[in-house]
């Protein structure tokens, strides 16, 4: 499957590190993906990543990408790797943000006036919402809704009902329901394939 486990390893001077490695198929997909100009193209890209993740058995039914606003270049992409890596933080948005920050060499994806958009197949859970606030992205584009993930059993956490307004109050643009039906189809495909609903305690 080309996917190594996320693990704490002892490095030099006894320091530990956590490593997240993308599935091989995703690395190959990124190598052949050109600029994505429109929000529909960007959403279709991440929906296809989520679908492939389910069908390849490499993780959950979610995907995300950080895209440079002006050029449409995909800076980084992530898929949900919670189950195969045994890591509850390995949500698609978290993976995409972490890889994008590694790519640009800093923790602020808005540094230097460069705007980046986070495109995610489903609205962010409570954890990913926090990461979005600190990441420096200028916009979030969502496919499925929080309710769609909850409907198949996922615990999305204690999110404020006005989370969109809160992000907008911080200067982030939020777009919802972009290709929602296509994103929701992936959720249902995951359930039908016997995918794990990996809430803690289950």
Protein backbone atom coordinates (compact mmCIF):
# COMPACT_ATOMS: atom_id res chain seq x y z
CA UNK A 1 0.00 0.00 0.00
CA UNK A 2 3.03 2.25 0.24
CA UNK A 3 2.03 3.69 3.60
CA UNK A 4 4.29 3.62 6.62
CA UNK A 5 2.87 3.80 10.10
CA UNK A 6 2.97 7.04 12.03
CA UNK A 7 5.33 6.38 14.86
CA UNK A 8 7.36 7.98 17.60
CA UNK A 9 10.98 7.31 16.87
CA UNK A 10 14.03 8.02 18.94
CA UNK A 11 16.45 10.14 16.93
CA UNK A 12 19.71 11.81 17.78
CA UNK A 13 20.08 12.90 21.42
CA UNK A 14 17.07 10.76 22.34
CA UNK A 15 14.55 13.09 20.74
CA UNK A 16 11.31 11.63 19.50
CA UNK A 17 9.60 12.52 16.28
CA UNK A 18 6.30 11.68 14.65
CA UNK A 19 6.29 10.86 10.97
CA UNK A 20 3.32 10.92 8.64
CA UNK A 21 3.87 9.49 5.19
CA UNK A 22 1.30 9.86 2.43
CA UNK A 23 0.14 6.87 0.40
CA UNK A 24 2.23 6.36 -2.74
CA UNK A 25 -0.76 6.94 -4.99
CA UNK A 26 -1.23 10.44 -3.56
CA UNK A 27 2.40 11.37 -4.17
CA UNK A 28 1.98 10.27 -7.78
CA UNK A 29 -1.28 12.21 -8.14
CA UNK A 30 0.35 15.40 -6.89
CA UNK A 31 3.21 14.99 -9.36
CA UNK A 32 0.75 15.04 -12.28
CA UNK A 33 -1.67 17.73 -11.08
CA UNK A 34 -1.49 21.13 -12.74
CA UNK A 35 -3.00 24.42 -11.59
CA UNK A 36 -6.64 24.33 -10.50
CA UNK A 37 -8.24 27.63 -11.43
CA UNK A 38 -11.82 27.34 -10.21
CA UNK A 39 -13.38 26.31 -6.92
CA UNK A 40 -15.18 23.46 -8.70
CA UNK A 41 -11.91 22.13 -10.14
CA UNK A 42 -10.31 22.31 -6.71
CA UNK A 43 -13.22 20.57 -5.01
CA UNK A 44 -13.42 17.89 -7.66
CA UNK A 45 -9.71 17.24 -7.10
CA UNK A 46 -10.09 16.69 -3.35
CA UNK A 47 -13.28 14.64 -3.73
CA UNK A 48 -11.39 12.36 -6.10
CA UNK A 49 -8.60 12.05 -3.50
CA UNK A 50 -11.11 11.08 -0.82
CA UNK A 51 -12.74 8.52 -3.11
CA UNK A 52 -9.37 7.02 -4.01
CA UNK A 53 -8.41 6.87 -0.33
CA UNK A 54 -11.53 4.80 0.37
CA UNK A 55 -11.14 2.51 -2.62
CA UNK A 56 -7.41 1.96 -2.04
CA UNK A 57 -8.04 1.14 1.61
CA UNK A 58 -5.55 3.78 2.76
CA UNK A 59 -7.83 5.74 5.08
CA UNK A 60 -11.07 7.56 5.69
CA UNK A 61 -13.48 9.35 3.33
CA UNK A 62 -12.03 12.85 3.68
CA UNK A 63 -9.45 14.87 1.74
CA UNK A 64 -8.15 18.42 1.70
CA UNK A 65 -5.71 20.58 -0.23
CA UNK A 66 -3.97 23.89 0.28
CA UNK A 67 -4.05 25.83 -2.98
CA UNK A 68 -2.31 29.09 -3.79
CA UNK A 69 -5.13 31.51 -4.53
CA UNK A 70 -3.66 33.42 -7.46
CA UNK A 71 -1.92 30.62 -9.38
CA UNK A 72 -4.14 27.66 -8.51
CA UNK A 73 -1.03 25.64 -7.65
CA UNK A 74 -1.65 22.79 -5.22
CA UNK A 75 0.88 23.44 -2.49
CA UNK A 76 -0.02 20.31 -0.52
CA UNK A 77 -2.80 17.79 -0.16
CA UNK A 78 -3.83 15.37 2.53
CA UNK A 79 -6.21 12.50 3.06
CA UNK A 80 -7.61 11.09 6.28
CA UNK A 81 -5.05 8.66 7.73
CA UNK A 82 -6.42 8.18 11.25
CA UNK A 83 -6.98 4.42 11.12
CA UNK A 84 -3.91 3.25 9.16
CA UNK A 85 -1.57 5.49 11.16
CA UNK A 86 -3.28 5.00 14.53
CA UNK A 87 -3.20 8.77 15.00
CA UNK A 88 -6.34 10.69 15.94
CA UNK A 89 -4.86 13.96 14.66
CA UNK A 90 -4.26 12.66 11.12
CA UNK A 91 -7.33 14.32 9.62
CA UNK A 92 -7.07 15.40 6.01
CA UNK A 93 -7.04 19.12 6.85
CA UNK A 94 -4.35 18.68 9.50
CA UNK A 95 -2.17 16.69 7.11
CA UNK A 96 -2.63 19.20 4.27
CA UNK A 97 -1.88 22.19 6.49
CA UNK A 98 1.20 20.58 8.02
CA UNK A 99 2.60 19.62 4.62
CA UNK A 100 1.84 23.06 3.17
CA UNK A 101 3.67 24.76 6.03
CA UNK A 102 6.64 22.45 5.48
CA UNK A 103 6.55 23.35 1.79
CA UNK A 104 6.55 27.12 2.34
CA UNK A 105 8.97 26.89 5.24
CA UNK A 106 6.90 28.49 7.98
CA UNK A 107 3.83 28.35 10.19
CA UNK A 108 1.94 31.21 8.51
CA UNK A 109 0.42 30.42 5.12
CA UNK A 110 -0.44 34.10 4.73
CA UNK A 111 3.10 35.37 5.23
CA UNK A 112 4.43 37.78 2.66
CA UNK A 113 0.95 38.55 1.38
CA UNK A 114 0.58 35.21 -0.39
CA UNK A 115 -2.97 33.92 -0.04
CA UNK A 116 -3.76 30.24 0.27
CA UNK A 117 -7.13 28.50 0.27
CA UNK A 118 -7.94 25.32 2.17
CA UNK A 119 -10.30 23.12 0.15
CA UNK A 120 -11.89 20.27 2.11
CA UNK A 121 -14.41 17.64 1.16
CA UNK A 122 -16.40 18.14 4.36
CA UNK A 123 -16.66 21.07 6.76
CA UNK A 124 -13.92 20.98 9.42
CA UNK A 125 -14.39 19.23 12.74
CA UNK A 126 -13.63 21.02 16.01
CA UNK A 127 -9.93 20.11 15.88
CA UNK A 128 -9.41 21.12 12.27
CA UNK A 129 -11.34 24.33 12.81
CA UNK A 130 -8.77 25.34 15.40
CA UNK A 131 -5.91 24.48 13.06
CA UNK A 132 -7.47 26.58 10.29
CA UNK A 133 -7.55 29.64 12.56
CA UNK A 134 -3.82 29.38 13.28
CA UNK A 135 -2.69 28.33 9.80
CA UNK A 136 -2.90 31.69 8.05
CA UNK A 137 -5.08 30.52 5.15
CA UNK A 138 -7.28 33.24 3.73
CA UNK A 139 -10.28 31.11 2.79
CA UNK A 140 -11.94 27.74 3.39
CA UNK A 141 -13.98 25.99 0.71
CA UNK A 142 -16.14 23.08 1.88
CA UNK A 143 -18.07 20.35 0.08
CA UNK A 144 -20.19 18.31 2.48
CA UNK A 145 -21.60 19.72 5.68
CA UNK A 146 -20.85 18.88 9.29
CA UNK A 147 -24.27 17.23 9.44
CA UNK A 148 -23.32 14.88 6.59
CA UNK A 149 -20.36 13.50 8.57
CA UNK A 150 -22.41 13.23 11.74
CA UNK A 151 -25.16 11.41 9.83
CA UNK A 152 -22.86 8.45 9.16
CA UNK A 153 -21.64 8.39 12.77
CA UNK A 154 -18.55 10.60 12.96
CA UNK A 155 -18.12 12.76 16.06
CA UNK A 156 -17.26 16.24 14.78
CA UNK A 157 -16.74 17.67 18.25
CA UNK A 158 -18.09 20.72 20.08
CA UNK A 159 -18.21 23.31 17.32
CA UNK A 160 -19.92 26.65 17.83
CA UNK A 161 -23.07 27.02 15.74
CA UNK A 162 -21.73 30.31 14.38
CA UNK A 163 -18.31 28.96 13.37
CA UNK A 164 -18.65 30.42 9.87
CA UNK A 165 -19.30 33.89 11.26
CA UNK A 166 -16.39 33.48 13.66
CA UNK A 167 -13.99 32.68 10.82
CA UNK A 168 -15.35 35.52 8.73
CA UNK A 169 -14.88 37.81 11.73
CA UNK A 170 -11.20 36.89 11.58
CA UNK A 171 -11.04 37.83 7.92
CA UNK A 172 -11.34 34.32 6.43
CA UNK A 173 -13.75 33.73 3.58
CA UNK A 174 -15.91 30.62 3.86
CA UNK A 175 -17.68 28.90 0.96
CA UNK A 176 -19.96 25.94 1.60
CA UNK A 177 -21.82 23.27 -0.38
CA UNK A 178 -19.39 23.22 -3.31
CA UNK A 179 -20.12 19.88 -5.05
CA UNK A 180 -21.75 18.76 -1.81
CA UNK A 181 -23.56 15.79 -3.33
CA UNK A 182 -20.31 14.38 -4.75
CA UNK A 183 -18.55 14.72 -1.39
CA UNK A 184 -21.46 13.03 0.39
CA UNK A 185 -21.37 10.13 -2.08
CA UNK A 186 -17.85 9.33 -0.84
CA UNK A 187 -19.06 9.24 2.76
CA UNK A 188 -21.76 6.73 1.86
CA UNK A 189 -19.35 4.65 -0.20
CA UNK A 190 -17.08 4.42 2.85
CA UNK A 191 -19.92 3.17 5.04
CA UNK A 192 -21.07 0.67 2.43
CA UNK A 193 -17.51 -0.65 2.18
CA UNK A 194 -17.44 -1.29 5.92
CA UNK A 195 -15.17 1.63 6.76
CA UNK A 196 -14.32 2.21 10.41
CA UNK A 197 -16.14 5.01 12.22
CA UNK A 198 -13.17 5.77 14.45
CA UNK A 199 -14.63 7.86 17.29
CA UNK A 200 -12.75 7.44 20.56
CA UNK A 201 -14.14 4.65 22.71
CA UNK A 202 -15.50 2.68 19.78
